[in-house]
Amino acid sequence: MIIRLLISALSVGITAYLMDTVTVEPWWAAIVVALVLGVINTVIRPIVKLFSLPVNILTLGLFTFVINALMVLLCANVIPAHFHVEGFMSALWFSIILSIVSWVLSLVIKK
């Protein structure tokens, strides 16, 4: 579980480094962002996905990207001093890039 948290924190740090519109400072805030984002994705995201199921079906699952961006914005509002996202599109791209970076790091670390 600690390794998963560290992978998530490293993914948040790398993704924020790659994007000019997202900041995570200082470096240890990436761990806090990963932890808060994990809690939000575990508790709030399933409820939001359940209520948005009809829209998600109509958009063939693409509305999930919007939900992910909203979860990132919620995380940025919970940790406003250390995690800043400039807008919805930044949150959308952050969530997409974060998923890719996290997936690649998980593959690398498992090997």
Protein backbone atom coordinates (compact mmCIF):
# COMPACT_ATOMS: atom_id res chain seq x y z
CA MET A 1 0.00 0.00 0.00
CA ILE A 2 2.88 2.36 0.76
CA ILE A 3 4.51 1.49 -2.56
CA ARG A 4 1.25 2.29 -4.36
CA LEU A 5 1.08 5.65 -2.55
CA LEU A 6 4.67 6.44 -3.54
CA ILE A 7 3.95 5.50 -7.17
CA SER A 8 0.92 7.79 -7.11
CA ALA A 9 2.92 10.61 -5.53
CA LEU A 10 5.69 10.23 -8.09
CA SER A 11 3.07 10.22 -10.85
CA VAL A 12 1.53 13.43 -9.50
CA GLY A 13 4.96 15.06 -9.32
CA ILE A 14 5.94 14.03 -12.83
CA THR A 15 2.60 15.08 -14.31
CA ALA A 16 2.72 18.46 -12.56
CA TYR A 17 6.29 18.92 -13.84
CA LEU A 18 5.16 18.19 -17.40
CA MET A 19 2.30 20.70 -17.25
CA ASP A 20 2.75 24.45 -16.91
CA THR A 21 -0.82 24.96 -15.69
CA VAL A 22 -0.56 22.66 -12.66
CA THR A 23 1.70 23.26 -9.68
CA VAL A 24 2.53 21.03 -6.73
CA GLU A 25 4.89 22.72 -4.29
CA PRO A 26 6.79 21.76 -2.17
CA TRP A 27 7.81 18.27 -3.29
CA TRP A 28 6.20 16.50 -0.32
CA ALA A 29 2.83 17.96 -1.29
CA ALA A 30 2.71 15.38 -4.10
CA ILE A 31 2.30 12.71 -1.41
CA VAL A 32 -0.56 14.65 0.16
CA VAL A 33 -2.19 15.19 -3.26
CA ALA A 34 -1.88 11.48 -4.05
CA LEU A 35 -3.41 10.58 -0.70
CA VAL A 36 -6.31 13.06 -1.00
CA LEU A 37 -6.93 12.10 -4.63
CA GLY A 38 -6.99 8.45 -3.59
CA VAL A 39 -9.56 9.13 -0.88
CA ILE A 40 -11.69 11.22 -3.26
CA ASN A 41 -11.53 8.52 -5.94
CA THR A 42 -12.45 5.86 -3.39
CA VAL A 43 -15.31 7.66 -1.65
CA ILE A 44 -16.81 10.36 -3.88
CA ARG A 45 -16.08 9.22 -7.44
CA PRO A 46 -18.24 6.03 -7.32
CA ILE A 47 -21.23 8.04 -6.09
CA VAL A 48 -20.79 10.63 -8.85
CA LYS A 49 -20.39 7.88 -11.46
CA LEU A 50 -23.57 6.21 -10.25
CA PHE A 51 -25.62 9.41 -10.53
CA SER A 52 -24.12 10.25 -13.92
CA LEU A 53 -24.64 6.78 -15.35
CA PRO A 54 -27.30 7.84 -17.90
CA VAL A 55 -25.04 10.61 -19.25
CA ASN A 56 -22.09 8.24 -19.24
CA ILE A 57 -24.06 5.71 -21.29
CA LEU A 58 -25.16 8.40 -23.76
CA THR A 59 -21.57 9.57 -24.25
CA LEU A 60 -20.25 5.99 -24.48
CA GLY A 61 -18.13 6.44 -21.37
CA LEU A 62 -16.49 9.71 -22.37
CA PHE A 63 -18.19 11.54 -19.50
CA THR A 64 -15.81 9.62 -17.21
CA PHE A 65 -13.09 12.04 -18.32
CA VAL A 66 -15.24 14.92 -17.08
CA ILE A 67 -15.75 13.14 -13.75
CA ASN A 68 -12.00 12.59 -13.41
CA ALA A 69 -11.33 16.27 -14.10
CA LEU A 70 -13.92 17.26 -11.49
CA MET A 71 -12.22 15.00 -8.94
CA VAL A 72 -8.89 16.71 -9.67
CA LEU A 73 -10.50 20.13 -9.23
CA LEU A 74 -12.05 18.98 -5.95
CA CYS A 75 -8.63 17.83 -4.77
CA ALA A 76 -7.17 21.21 -5.74
CA ASN A 77 -9.88 22.91 -3.65
CA VAL A 78 -9.14 20.68 -0.66
CA ILE A 79 -5.39 21.47 -0.82
CA PRO A 80 -5.33 25.05 -2.18
CA ALA A 81 -1.99 26.04 -0.65
CA HIS A 82 0.11 23.30 -2.28
CA PHE A 83 -1.83 22.10 -5.33
CA HIS A 84 -3.07 24.50 -7.98
CA VAL A 85 -4.87 23.68 -11.22
CA GLU A 86 -5.63 26.63 -13.51
CA GLY A 87 -8.93 25.46 -14.93
CA PHE A 88 -11.15 22.66 -16.10
CA MET A 89 -9.13 21.86 -19.24
CA SER A 90 -5.95 21.71 -17.18
CA ALA A 91 -7.66 19.31 -14.78
CA LEU A 92 -8.85 17.21 -17.70
CA TRP A 93 -5.38 16.94 -19.22
CA PHE A 94 -3.85 16.41 -15.78
CA SER A 95 -6.14 13.44 -15.13
CA ILE A 96 -5.38 11.89 -18.53
CA ILE A 97 -1.61 12.35 -18.26
CA LEU A 98 -1.66 11.22 -14.62
CA SER A 99 -3.35 7.97 -15.61
CA ILE A 100 -0.76 7.30 -18.30
CA VAL A 101 2.23 8.17 -16.10
CA SER A 102 0.87 6.09 -13.22
CA TRP A 103 0.29 3.13 -15.52
CA VAL A 104 3.83 3.33 -16.96
CA LEU A 105 5.41 3.66 -13.49
CA SER A 106 3.40 0.69 -12.23
CA LEU A 107 4.68 -1.41 -15.14
CA VAL A 108 8.28 -0.33 -14.57
CA ILE A 109 8.22 -0.91 -10.82
CA LYS A 110 6.56 -4.35 -11.09
CA LYS A 111 9.45 -5.49 -13.31
